[in-house]
N, C-alpha and C. Protein backbone atom coordinates (compact mmCIF):
# COMPACT_ATOMS: atom_id res chain seq x y z
N MET A 1 106.91 -84.91 81.50
CA MET A 1 107.81 -85.39 80.47
C MET A 1 108.14 -84.23 79.52
N ASN A 2 109.39 -84.08 79.20
CA ASN A 2 109.83 -83.02 78.30
C ASN A 2 109.45 -83.32 76.86
N LEU A 3 109.29 -82.29 76.06
CA LEU A 3 109.04 -82.47 74.64
C LEU A 3 110.29 -83.00 73.96
N PRO A 4 110.12 -83.80 72.90
CA PRO A 4 111.31 -84.28 72.18
C PRO A 4 112.03 -83.13 71.49
N ARG A 5 113.35 -83.23 71.39
CA ARG A 5 114.12 -82.23 70.65
C ARG A 5 113.93 -82.42 69.16
N ARG A 6 113.87 -83.69 68.74
CA ARG A 6 113.76 -84.00 67.31
C ARG A 6 112.65 -85.02 67.09
N VAL A 7 112.01 -84.91 65.92
CA VAL A 7 110.98 -85.86 65.49
C VAL A 7 111.41 -86.43 64.15
N VAL A 8 111.40 -87.75 64.04
CA VAL A 8 111.81 -88.43 62.82
C VAL A 8 110.59 -89.13 62.23
N LEU A 9 110.25 -88.82 60.98
CA LEU A 9 109.19 -89.53 60.26
C LEU A 9 109.81 -90.72 59.55
N SER A 10 109.20 -91.89 59.71
CA SER A 10 109.77 -93.10 59.15
C SER A 10 108.68 -93.94 58.50
N ARG A 11 108.83 -94.22 57.20
CA ARG A 11 107.86 -95.04 56.47
C ARG A 11 108.18 -96.50 56.72
N LYS A 12 107.17 -97.28 57.11
CA LYS A 12 107.37 -98.68 57.46
C LYS A 12 106.25 -99.53 56.87
N GLY A 13 106.51 -100.84 56.79
CA GLY A 13 105.51 -101.79 56.33
C GLY A 13 105.57 -102.00 54.83
N PHE A 14 104.58 -102.73 54.33
CA PHE A 14 104.50 -103.05 52.91
C PHE A 14 104.46 -101.78 52.07
N ASP A 15 105.03 -101.88 50.87
CA ASP A 15 104.96 -100.79 49.90
C ASP A 15 104.97 -101.41 48.50
N GLY A 16 105.12 -100.58 47.47
CA GLY A 16 105.10 -101.04 46.09
C GLY A 16 106.29 -101.90 45.71
N GLY A 17 107.30 -101.99 46.56
CA GLY A 17 108.48 -102.81 46.27
C GLY A 17 108.66 -103.98 47.23
N THR A 18 107.89 -104.01 48.30
CA THR A 18 107.98 -105.09 49.29
C THR A 18 106.59 -105.39 49.81
N GLY A 19 106.09 -106.57 49.54
CA GLY A 19 104.74 -106.94 49.96
C GLY A 19 103.73 -106.68 48.85
N PHE A 20 103.90 -105.54 48.18
CA PHE A 20 103.17 -105.17 46.97
C PHE A 20 101.68 -104.94 47.17
N VAL A 21 101.20 -104.90 48.41
CA VAL A 21 99.81 -104.53 48.71
C VAL A 21 99.84 -103.60 49.91
N PRO A 22 98.80 -102.77 50.06
CA PRO A 22 98.74 -101.92 51.25
C PRO A 22 98.51 -102.74 52.51
N SER A 23 98.86 -102.17 53.64
CA SER A 23 98.47 -102.74 54.92
C SER A 23 96.98 -102.48 55.11
N PRO A 24 96.27 -103.36 55.82
CA PRO A 24 94.81 -103.22 55.92
C PRO A 24 94.35 -102.30 57.04
N ILE A 25 93.26 -101.59 56.76
CA ILE A 25 92.45 -100.97 57.79
C ILE A 25 91.21 -101.86 57.86
N LEU A 26 91.05 -102.57 58.97
CA LEU A 26 90.04 -103.61 59.09
C LEU A 26 88.65 -103.03 59.40
N ASP A 27 87.64 -103.88 59.27
CA ASP A 27 86.26 -103.46 59.53
C ASP A 27 86.09 -102.82 60.90
N ASP A 28 86.83 -103.31 61.90
CA ASP A 28 86.71 -102.77 63.25
C ASP A 28 87.56 -101.52 63.47
N GLY A 29 88.18 -100.99 62.38
CA GLY A 29 88.97 -99.77 62.45
C GLY A 29 90.43 -99.99 62.81
N ILE A 30 90.81 -101.22 63.14
CA ILE A 30 92.20 -101.51 63.49
C ILE A 30 93.07 -101.40 62.23
N MET A 31 94.19 -100.70 62.35
CA MET A 31 95.18 -100.62 61.28
C MET A 31 96.32 -101.56 61.63
N LEU A 32 96.60 -102.52 60.76
CA LEU A 32 97.70 -103.45 60.99
C LEU A 32 98.79 -103.18 59.97
N SER A 33 99.88 -102.59 60.42
CA SER A 33 101.01 -102.39 59.53
C SER A 33 101.66 -103.75 59.31
N LEU A 34 101.68 -104.20 58.06
CA LEU A 34 102.24 -105.51 57.74
C LEU A 34 103.75 -105.40 57.60
N PRO A 35 104.51 -106.13 58.45
CA PRO A 35 105.97 -106.05 58.38
C PRO A 35 106.50 -106.71 57.11
N ILE A 36 107.57 -106.15 56.59
CA ILE A 36 108.16 -106.68 55.36
C ILE A 36 108.73 -108.08 55.59
N PRO A 37 108.85 -108.88 54.54
CA PRO A 37 109.46 -110.22 54.68
C PRO A 37 110.95 -110.11 55.04
N ASP A 38 111.44 -111.12 55.75
CA ASP A 38 112.84 -111.14 56.17
C ASP A 38 113.26 -112.60 56.35
N THR A 39 114.04 -113.13 55.43
CA THR A 39 114.43 -114.55 55.50
C THR A 39 115.21 -114.87 56.78
N ALA A 40 115.84 -113.87 57.40
CA ALA A 40 116.57 -114.09 58.64
C ALA A 40 115.71 -113.80 59.87
N GLY A 41 114.44 -113.49 59.67
CA GLY A 41 113.55 -113.16 60.78
C GLY A 41 113.37 -114.32 61.74
N THR A 42 112.86 -114.01 62.92
CA THR A 42 112.67 -115.04 63.95
C THR A 42 111.20 -115.40 64.16
N VAL A 43 110.30 -114.67 63.52
CA VAL A 43 108.88 -114.92 63.71
C VAL A 43 108.19 -114.97 62.34
N SER A 44 107.30 -115.93 62.16
CA SER A 44 106.59 -116.07 60.89
C SER A 44 105.30 -115.26 60.93
N TYR A 45 104.76 -115.00 59.74
CA TYR A 45 103.48 -114.30 59.66
C TYR A 45 102.39 -115.11 60.35
N GLU A 46 102.42 -116.43 60.24
CA GLU A 46 101.39 -117.26 60.85
C GLU A 46 101.43 -117.20 62.38
N ALA A 47 102.55 -116.80 62.96
CA ALA A 47 102.67 -116.69 64.42
C ALA A 47 102.14 -115.37 64.94
N LEU A 48 101.88 -114.41 64.06
CA LEU A 48 101.44 -113.07 64.46
C LEU A 48 99.93 -112.95 64.37
N SER A 49 99.33 -112.41 65.42
CA SER A 49 97.90 -112.11 65.36
C SER A 49 97.60 -110.98 66.34
N PHE A 50 96.56 -110.24 66.02
CA PHE A 50 96.10 -109.16 66.89
C PHE A 50 94.59 -109.26 66.99
N HIS A 51 94.11 -109.39 68.21
CA HIS A 51 92.71 -109.73 68.46
C HIS A 51 92.44 -111.01 67.67
N GLU A 52 91.42 -111.08 66.89
CA GLU A 52 91.16 -112.30 66.12
C GLU A 52 91.76 -112.25 64.72
N HIS A 53 92.58 -111.28 64.43
CA HIS A 53 93.12 -111.09 63.08
C HIS A 53 94.48 -111.76 62.93
N SER A 54 94.56 -112.79 62.10
CA SER A 54 95.79 -113.54 61.84
C SER A 54 96.56 -112.89 60.69
N TYR A 55 97.81 -112.50 60.94
CA TYR A 55 98.62 -111.91 59.89
C TYR A 55 98.82 -112.90 58.74
N GLY A 56 98.97 -114.19 59.06
CA GLY A 56 99.13 -115.19 58.01
C GLY A 56 97.95 -115.22 57.06
N LYS A 57 96.75 -115.23 57.61
CA LYS A 57 95.54 -115.24 56.78
C LYS A 57 95.43 -113.94 55.99
N ILE A 58 95.73 -112.83 56.63
CA ILE A 58 95.62 -111.53 55.96
C ILE A 58 96.56 -111.46 54.75
N ILE A 59 97.83 -111.83 54.92
CA ILE A 59 98.76 -111.73 53.78
C ILE A 59 98.38 -112.68 52.67
N SER A 60 97.85 -113.85 53.04
CA SER A 60 97.42 -114.83 52.04
C SER A 60 96.19 -114.32 51.28
N ASP A 61 95.18 -113.88 52.03
CA ASP A 61 93.93 -113.43 51.41
C ASP A 61 94.14 -112.18 50.54
N LEU A 62 94.99 -111.26 50.97
CA LEU A 62 95.17 -110.01 50.24
C LEU A 62 96.17 -110.11 49.09
N GLY A 63 96.81 -111.27 48.95
CA GLY A 63 97.69 -111.49 47.80
C GLY A 63 99.06 -110.84 47.92
N ALA A 64 99.59 -110.75 49.16
CA ALA A 64 100.92 -110.17 49.35
C ALA A 64 101.96 -111.01 48.62
N LYS A 65 103.03 -110.35 48.19
CA LYS A 65 104.08 -111.02 47.42
C LYS A 65 105.44 -110.75 48.05
N ARG A 66 106.39 -111.61 47.69
CA ARG A 66 107.79 -111.42 48.08
C ARG A 66 108.64 -111.50 46.83
N ASN A 67 109.77 -110.85 46.86
CA ASN A 67 110.70 -110.90 45.73
C ASN A 67 111.57 -112.14 45.83
N SER A 68 111.77 -112.78 44.69
CA SER A 68 112.71 -113.89 44.59
C SER A 68 113.69 -113.54 43.48
N LYS A 69 114.98 -113.59 43.78
CA LYS A 69 115.98 -113.25 42.77
C LYS A 69 115.88 -114.15 41.55
N LYS A 70 115.50 -115.40 41.75
CA LYS A 70 115.41 -116.35 40.65
C LYS A 70 114.07 -116.30 39.93
N SER A 71 112.98 -116.09 40.68
CA SER A 71 111.65 -116.26 40.11
C SER A 71 110.80 -115.00 40.06
N GLY A 72 111.33 -113.86 40.46
CA GLY A 72 110.54 -112.63 40.47
C GLY A 72 109.62 -112.59 41.68
N ARG A 73 108.41 -112.09 41.49
CA ARG A 73 107.45 -111.98 42.59
C ARG A 73 106.73 -113.31 42.81
N LEU A 74 106.78 -113.76 44.06
CA LEU A 74 106.11 -114.99 44.45
C LEU A 74 105.11 -114.67 45.56
N PRO A 75 104.07 -115.47 45.70
CA PRO A 75 103.14 -115.24 46.82
C PRO A 75 103.87 -115.34 48.15
N LEU A 76 103.59 -114.41 49.03
CA LEU A 76 104.11 -114.47 50.39
C LEU A 76 103.28 -115.53 51.11
N ILE A 77 103.94 -116.47 51.76
CA ILE A 77 103.20 -117.54 52.42
C ILE A 77 103.28 -117.40 53.93
N THR A 78 102.33 -118.02 54.61
CA THR A 78 102.19 -117.81 56.05
C THR A 78 103.42 -118.22 56.85
N SER A 79 104.18 -119.18 56.36
CA SER A 79 105.38 -119.61 57.09
C SER A 79 106.59 -118.72 56.82
N ASP A 80 106.49 -117.78 55.87
CA ASP A 80 107.58 -116.83 55.64
C ASP A 80 107.81 -116.02 56.90
N LYS A 81 109.07 -115.61 57.09
CA LYS A 81 109.44 -114.81 58.26
C LYS A 81 109.20 -113.33 58.00
N ALA A 82 108.86 -112.63 59.08
CA ALA A 82 108.57 -111.19 59.02
C ALA A 82 109.67 -110.40 59.72
N HIS A 83 109.94 -109.21 59.20
CA HIS A 83 110.88 -108.27 59.82
C HIS A 83 110.05 -107.35 60.72
N LEU A 84 109.81 -107.80 61.92
CA LEU A 84 108.91 -107.09 62.85
C LEU A 84 109.64 -105.91 63.48
N ASP A 85 109.71 -104.83 62.72
CA ASP A 85 110.45 -103.64 63.12
C ASP A 85 109.86 -102.42 62.41
N PRO A 86 109.26 -101.48 63.12
CA PRO A 86 109.23 -101.39 64.57
C PRO A 86 108.33 -102.47 65.17
N ASP A 87 108.67 -102.85 66.37
CA ASP A 87 107.92 -103.85 67.12
C ASP A 87 107.20 -103.10 68.23
N LEU A 88 105.92 -102.80 67.99
CA LEU A 88 105.19 -101.89 68.86
C LEU A 88 104.07 -102.52 69.68
N ILE A 89 103.60 -103.71 69.30
CA ILE A 89 102.39 -104.28 69.90
C ILE A 89 102.73 -105.56 70.65
N LYS A 90 102.67 -105.52 71.96
CA LYS A 90 103.05 -106.67 72.79
C LYS A 90 102.23 -107.90 72.48
N GLU A 91 100.94 -107.74 72.19
CA GLU A 91 100.03 -108.87 72.02
C GLU A 91 100.17 -109.61 70.70
N LEU A 92 101.10 -109.25 69.83
CA LEU A 92 101.22 -109.92 68.53
C LEU A 92 101.60 -111.39 68.65
N TYR A 93 102.42 -111.73 69.64
CA TYR A 93 102.81 -113.12 69.86
C TYR A 93 103.41 -113.24 71.26
N SER A 94 103.72 -114.45 71.67
CA SER A 94 104.25 -114.70 73.01
C SER A 94 105.61 -114.01 73.17
N ARG A 95 105.75 -113.27 74.26
CA ARG A 95 106.96 -112.45 74.47
C ARG A 95 107.79 -112.93 75.66
N THR A 96 109.05 -112.55 75.62
CA THR A 96 109.95 -112.75 76.75
C THR A 96 109.54 -111.77 77.85
N PRO A 97 109.58 -112.19 79.12
CA PRO A 97 109.24 -111.26 80.21
C PRO A 97 110.08 -109.99 80.13
N GLY A 98 109.45 -108.86 80.41
CA GLY A 98 110.12 -107.57 80.37
C GLY A 98 110.14 -106.90 79.01
N TRP A 99 109.46 -107.53 78.00
CA TRP A 99 109.45 -107.00 76.64
C TRP A 99 109.09 -105.51 76.64
N LYS A 100 109.72 -104.77 75.73
CA LYS A 100 109.43 -103.35 75.51
C LYS A 100 109.32 -103.10 74.01
N PRO A 101 108.55 -102.10 73.59
CA PRO A 101 108.55 -101.74 72.17
C PRO A 101 109.97 -101.37 71.73
N ALA A 102 110.30 -101.71 70.48
CA ALA A 102 111.67 -101.49 70.01
C ALA A 102 111.68 -101.16 68.52
N TYR A 103 112.74 -100.49 68.13
CA TYR A 103 112.95 -100.11 66.74
C TYR A 103 114.45 -100.18 66.47
N GLY A 104 114.83 -100.77 65.35
CA GLY A 104 116.25 -100.91 65.04
C GLY A 104 116.63 -100.17 63.77
N GLN A 105 117.88 -99.80 63.71
CA GLN A 105 118.45 -99.19 62.51
C GLN A 105 119.84 -99.76 62.32
N CYS A 106 120.24 -99.87 61.05
CA CYS A 106 121.58 -100.36 60.76
C CYS A 106 122.12 -99.63 59.53
N GLY A 107 123.38 -99.77 59.30
CA GLY A 107 124.01 -99.22 58.11
C GLY A 107 123.87 -97.71 57.97
N THR A 108 123.55 -97.27 56.76
CA THR A 108 123.44 -95.85 56.45
C THR A 108 122.38 -95.16 57.30
N ALA A 109 121.23 -95.82 57.49
CA ALA A 109 120.15 -95.21 58.27
C ALA A 109 120.61 -94.94 59.70
N ALA A 110 121.33 -95.88 60.31
CA ALA A 110 121.84 -95.66 61.67
C ALA A 110 122.85 -94.52 61.69
N SER A 111 123.69 -94.44 60.65
CA SER A 111 124.68 -93.35 60.57
C SER A 111 123.99 -91.99 60.46
N ILE A 112 122.93 -91.91 59.67
CA ILE A 112 122.20 -90.64 59.52
C ILE A 112 121.64 -90.21 60.87
N LEU A 113 121.03 -91.15 61.61
CA LEU A 113 120.48 -90.80 62.92
C LEU A 113 121.59 -90.35 63.87
N ARG A 114 122.69 -91.06 63.88
CA ARG A 114 123.82 -90.70 64.74
C ARG A 114 124.38 -89.33 64.36
N ASN A 115 124.55 -89.08 63.05
CA ASN A 115 125.10 -87.80 62.59
C ASN A 115 124.17 -86.62 62.87
N ASN A 116 122.87 -86.91 63.06
CA ASN A 116 121.91 -85.85 63.38
C ASN A 116 121.56 -85.81 64.87
N ASN A 117 122.39 -86.48 65.65
CA ASN A 117 122.27 -86.46 67.11
C ASN A 117 120.89 -86.88 67.62
N ILE A 118 120.28 -87.87 66.95
CA ILE A 118 119.03 -88.43 67.45
C ILE A 118 119.38 -89.21 68.72
N THR A 119 118.66 -88.90 69.81
CA THR A 119 119.05 -89.45 71.10
C THR A 119 117.85 -89.71 71.99
N ILE A 120 118.12 -90.12 73.20
CA ILE A 120 117.08 -90.41 74.19
C ILE A 120 116.15 -89.21 74.33
N GLY A 121 114.85 -89.50 74.29
CA GLY A 121 113.83 -88.45 74.38
C GLY A 121 113.29 -88.03 73.04
N ASP A 122 114.01 -88.30 71.95
CA ASP A 122 113.52 -87.95 70.61
C ASP A 122 112.42 -88.93 70.19
N LEU A 123 111.68 -88.56 69.15
CA LEU A 123 110.46 -89.27 68.79
C LEU A 123 110.50 -89.77 67.36
N PHE A 124 110.17 -91.04 67.16
CA PHE A 124 109.94 -91.59 65.82
C PHE A 124 108.44 -91.67 65.60
N ILE A 125 107.99 -91.20 64.45
CA ILE A 125 106.60 -91.33 64.04
C ILE A 125 106.58 -92.21 62.80
N PHE A 126 105.82 -93.30 62.85
CA PHE A 126 105.79 -94.29 61.79
C PHE A 126 104.54 -94.13 60.94
N PHE A 127 104.74 -94.13 59.61
CA PHE A 127 103.60 -94.05 58.70
C PHE A 127 103.77 -95.11 57.62
N GLY A 128 102.67 -95.42 56.95
CA GLY A 128 102.74 -96.42 55.91
C GLY A 128 101.54 -96.36 54.98
N TRP A 129 101.55 -97.27 54.01
CA TRP A 129 100.53 -97.38 52.96
C TRP A 129 99.42 -98.29 53.46
N PHE A 130 98.20 -97.76 53.49
CA PHE A 130 97.04 -98.48 54.00
C PHE A 130 95.86 -98.38 53.05
N LYS A 131 94.95 -99.32 53.19
CA LYS A 131 93.68 -99.31 52.45
C LYS A 131 92.65 -100.08 53.27
N ARG A 132 91.41 -99.59 53.22
CA ARG A 132 90.33 -100.28 53.93
C ARG A 132 90.11 -101.65 53.32
N CYS A 133 89.86 -102.61 54.20
CA CYS A 133 89.49 -103.94 53.73
C CYS A 133 88.35 -104.46 54.59
N THR A 134 87.73 -105.51 54.14
CA THR A 134 86.61 -106.11 54.85
C THR A 134 86.83 -107.61 54.94
N PHE A 135 86.16 -108.24 55.88
CA PHE A 135 86.18 -109.68 56.01
C PHE A 135 84.82 -110.18 55.55
N LYS A 136 84.79 -110.82 54.39
CA LYS A 136 83.53 -111.23 53.78
C LYS A 136 83.67 -112.64 53.24
N ASN A 137 82.67 -113.48 53.51
CA ASN A 137 82.68 -114.87 53.06
C ASN A 137 83.96 -115.60 53.48
N GLY A 138 84.43 -115.32 54.72
CA GLY A 138 85.59 -116.01 55.25
C GLY A 138 86.93 -115.55 54.71
N LYS A 139 86.94 -114.38 54.05
CA LYS A 139 88.17 -113.92 53.42
C LYS A 139 88.34 -112.40 53.59
N TYR A 140 89.60 -111.99 53.86
CA TYR A 140 89.92 -110.56 53.87
C TYR A 140 90.03 -110.09 52.42
N GLN A 141 89.45 -108.93 52.13
CA GLN A 141 89.56 -108.38 50.78
C GLN A 141 89.50 -106.86 50.85
N PHE A 142 90.27 -106.24 49.96
CA PHE A 142 90.24 -104.77 49.91
C PHE A 142 88.89 -104.30 49.41
N ILE A 143 88.46 -103.16 49.91
CA ILE A 143 87.23 -102.54 49.42
C ILE A 143 87.62 -101.82 48.14
N ARG A 144 87.03 -102.24 47.06
CA ARG A 144 87.45 -101.82 45.72
C ARG A 144 87.59 -100.31 45.56
N LYS A 145 86.61 -99.55 45.99
CA LYS A 145 86.64 -98.09 45.76
C LYS A 145 87.30 -97.31 46.89
N ALA A 146 87.79 -98.01 47.89
CA ALA A 146 88.49 -97.32 48.98
C ALA A 146 89.81 -96.76 48.46
N PRO A 147 90.17 -95.54 48.87
CA PRO A 147 91.44 -94.97 48.39
C PRO A 147 92.64 -95.58 49.08
N ASP A 148 93.76 -95.60 48.38
CA ASP A 148 95.05 -95.91 48.98
C ASP A 148 95.48 -94.66 49.74
N ILE A 149 95.87 -94.81 50.99
CA ILE A 149 96.25 -93.65 51.79
C ILE A 149 97.54 -93.94 52.55
N HIS A 150 98.25 -92.89 52.91
CA HIS A 150 99.39 -92.99 53.81
C HIS A 150 98.94 -92.46 55.16
N VAL A 151 99.18 -93.26 56.20
CA VAL A 151 98.62 -93.00 57.52
C VAL A 151 99.70 -93.15 58.58
N ILE A 152 99.67 -92.27 59.58
CA ILE A 152 100.50 -92.45 60.77
C ILE A 152 99.86 -93.56 61.59
N PHE A 153 100.63 -94.60 61.91
CA PHE A 153 100.06 -95.73 62.64
C PHE A 153 100.73 -95.98 63.99
N GLY A 154 101.79 -95.28 64.28
CA GLY A 154 102.43 -95.51 65.57
C GLY A 154 103.57 -94.55 65.82
N TYR A 155 104.07 -94.60 67.03
CA TYR A 155 105.20 -93.77 67.40
C TYR A 155 106.01 -94.49 68.47
N LEU A 156 107.21 -94.03 68.66
CA LEU A 156 108.08 -94.58 69.69
C LEU A 156 109.02 -93.47 70.15
N ARG A 157 109.00 -93.22 71.44
CA ARG A 157 109.92 -92.25 72.02
C ARG A 157 111.13 -93.01 72.54
N ILE A 158 112.31 -92.54 72.18
CA ILE A 158 113.54 -93.23 72.55
C ILE A 158 113.76 -93.13 74.06
N GLY A 159 113.83 -94.30 74.69
CA GLY A 159 114.11 -94.37 76.12
C GLY A 159 115.50 -94.91 76.40
N GLU A 160 116.02 -95.67 75.43
CA GLU A 160 117.35 -96.27 75.58
C GLU A 160 117.89 -96.55 74.18
N ILE A 161 119.18 -96.41 74.02
CA ILE A 161 119.84 -96.76 72.76
C ILE A 161 120.84 -97.86 73.09
N VAL A 162 120.71 -98.98 72.38
CA VAL A 162 121.64 -100.10 72.57
C VAL A 162 122.51 -100.17 71.32
N ASN A 163 123.78 -99.90 71.47
CA ASN A 163 124.72 -100.01 70.36
C ASN A 163 125.32 -101.40 70.41
N LEU A 164 124.89 -102.24 69.49
CA LEU A 164 125.29 -103.64 69.51
C LEU A 164 126.76 -103.86 69.20
N SER A 165 127.44 -102.81 68.74
CA SER A 165 128.88 -102.93 68.52
C SER A 165 129.65 -102.93 69.84
N PHE A 166 129.03 -102.37 70.88
CA PHE A 166 129.73 -102.18 72.14
C PHE A 166 129.08 -102.85 73.34
N GLN A 167 127.83 -103.27 73.21
CA GLN A 167 127.14 -103.86 74.36
C GLN A 167 126.19 -104.95 73.87
N SER A 168 125.83 -105.84 74.76
CA SER A 168 124.90 -106.90 74.37
C SER A 168 123.46 -106.42 74.53
N ALA A 169 122.59 -107.03 73.77
CA ALA A 169 121.18 -106.67 73.81
C ALA A 169 120.54 -107.23 75.07
N PRO A 170 119.53 -106.54 75.58
CA PRO A 170 118.81 -107.09 76.74
C PRO A 170 118.06 -108.37 76.36
N GLU A 171 117.85 -109.25 77.32
CA GLU A 171 117.19 -110.53 77.08
C GLU A 171 115.80 -110.37 76.47
N TRP A 172 115.06 -109.34 76.90
CA TRP A 172 113.70 -109.15 76.39
C TRP A 172 113.67 -108.86 74.89
N ALA A 173 114.79 -108.47 74.32
CA ALA A 173 114.85 -108.11 72.90
C ALA A 173 115.40 -109.23 72.03
N LYS A 174 115.54 -110.44 72.56
CA LYS A 174 116.23 -111.52 71.85
C LYS A 174 115.65 -111.86 70.48
N ASP A 175 114.36 -111.59 70.25
CA ASP A 175 113.74 -111.90 68.96
C ASP A 175 113.78 -110.74 67.97
N HIS A 176 114.30 -109.60 68.38
CA HIS A 176 114.29 -108.43 67.48
C HIS A 176 115.12 -108.72 66.24
N PRO A 177 114.61 -108.37 65.04
CA PRO A 177 115.33 -108.72 63.80
C PRO A 177 116.71 -108.12 63.67
N HIS A 178 117.00 -107.04 64.37
CA HIS A 178 118.34 -106.44 64.27
C HIS A 178 119.38 -107.17 65.11
N LEU A 179 118.96 -108.27 65.73
CA LEU A 179 119.91 -109.13 66.43
C LEU A 179 120.22 -110.38 65.62
N HIS A 180 119.67 -110.47 64.42
CA HIS A 180 119.81 -111.66 63.59
C HIS A 180 120.14 -111.27 62.15
N GLY A 181 120.71 -112.18 61.41
CA GLY A 181 120.98 -111.95 60.00
C GLY A 181 121.97 -110.83 59.75
N THR A 182 121.71 -110.05 58.72
CA THR A 182 122.64 -108.99 58.30
C THR A 182 122.27 -107.63 58.86
N HIS A 183 121.26 -107.56 59.73
CA HIS A 183 120.77 -106.27 60.23
C HIS A 183 121.48 -105.79 61.47
N ARG A 184 122.48 -106.51 61.96
CA ARG A 184 123.08 -106.21 63.25
C ARG A 184 123.79 -104.85 63.22
N ASN A 185 123.40 -103.98 64.11
CA ASN A 185 124.09 -102.70 64.28
C ASN A 185 123.54 -102.02 65.51
N VAL A 186 122.57 -101.15 65.34
CA VAL A 186 122.05 -100.37 66.45
C VAL A 186 120.58 -100.67 66.60
N LYS A 187 120.12 -100.85 67.83
CA LYS A 187 118.71 -101.03 68.13
C LYS A 187 118.37 -100.05 69.24
N SER A 188 117.28 -99.33 69.08
CA SER A 188 116.92 -98.39 70.15
C SER A 188 115.45 -98.50 70.47
């Protein structure tokens, strides 16, 4: 396999403006990047789990929040929808046959990638805000003295670019958030 021509660093998951808590590094060393809320999303936090770790329980226990235009910050609840992008882990929930990892871009971000000739074979490296947490007395909780850190948690090498302005998305990608709501543009 050839080396990528370009590498793109992309910050993903909860931050100080969305979710308002770090993503957890669990007792077993697993890092779960918590996807941001998305009212047009197709999958809820309660539907997502990895090994025995329920995203719904994690966001509830750790006190994740969502923005409300009318009410300010409200608790993120397990039935809220998630913007699962990048979508890197097949085992998070039941998938359509043929599923592949995917990442979408729209608007200005898609234009920047296009203008910089990001193409098949190039590499996205995803990083985010994380903190160690533990599962104690039936509840996930951050370890008080653990530092907040930014960590690389995944990558995706572009194998195909689907421009939704000119072609339809493959069936395996039907749940991807860039096929729903206001995010429609380019998915790769």
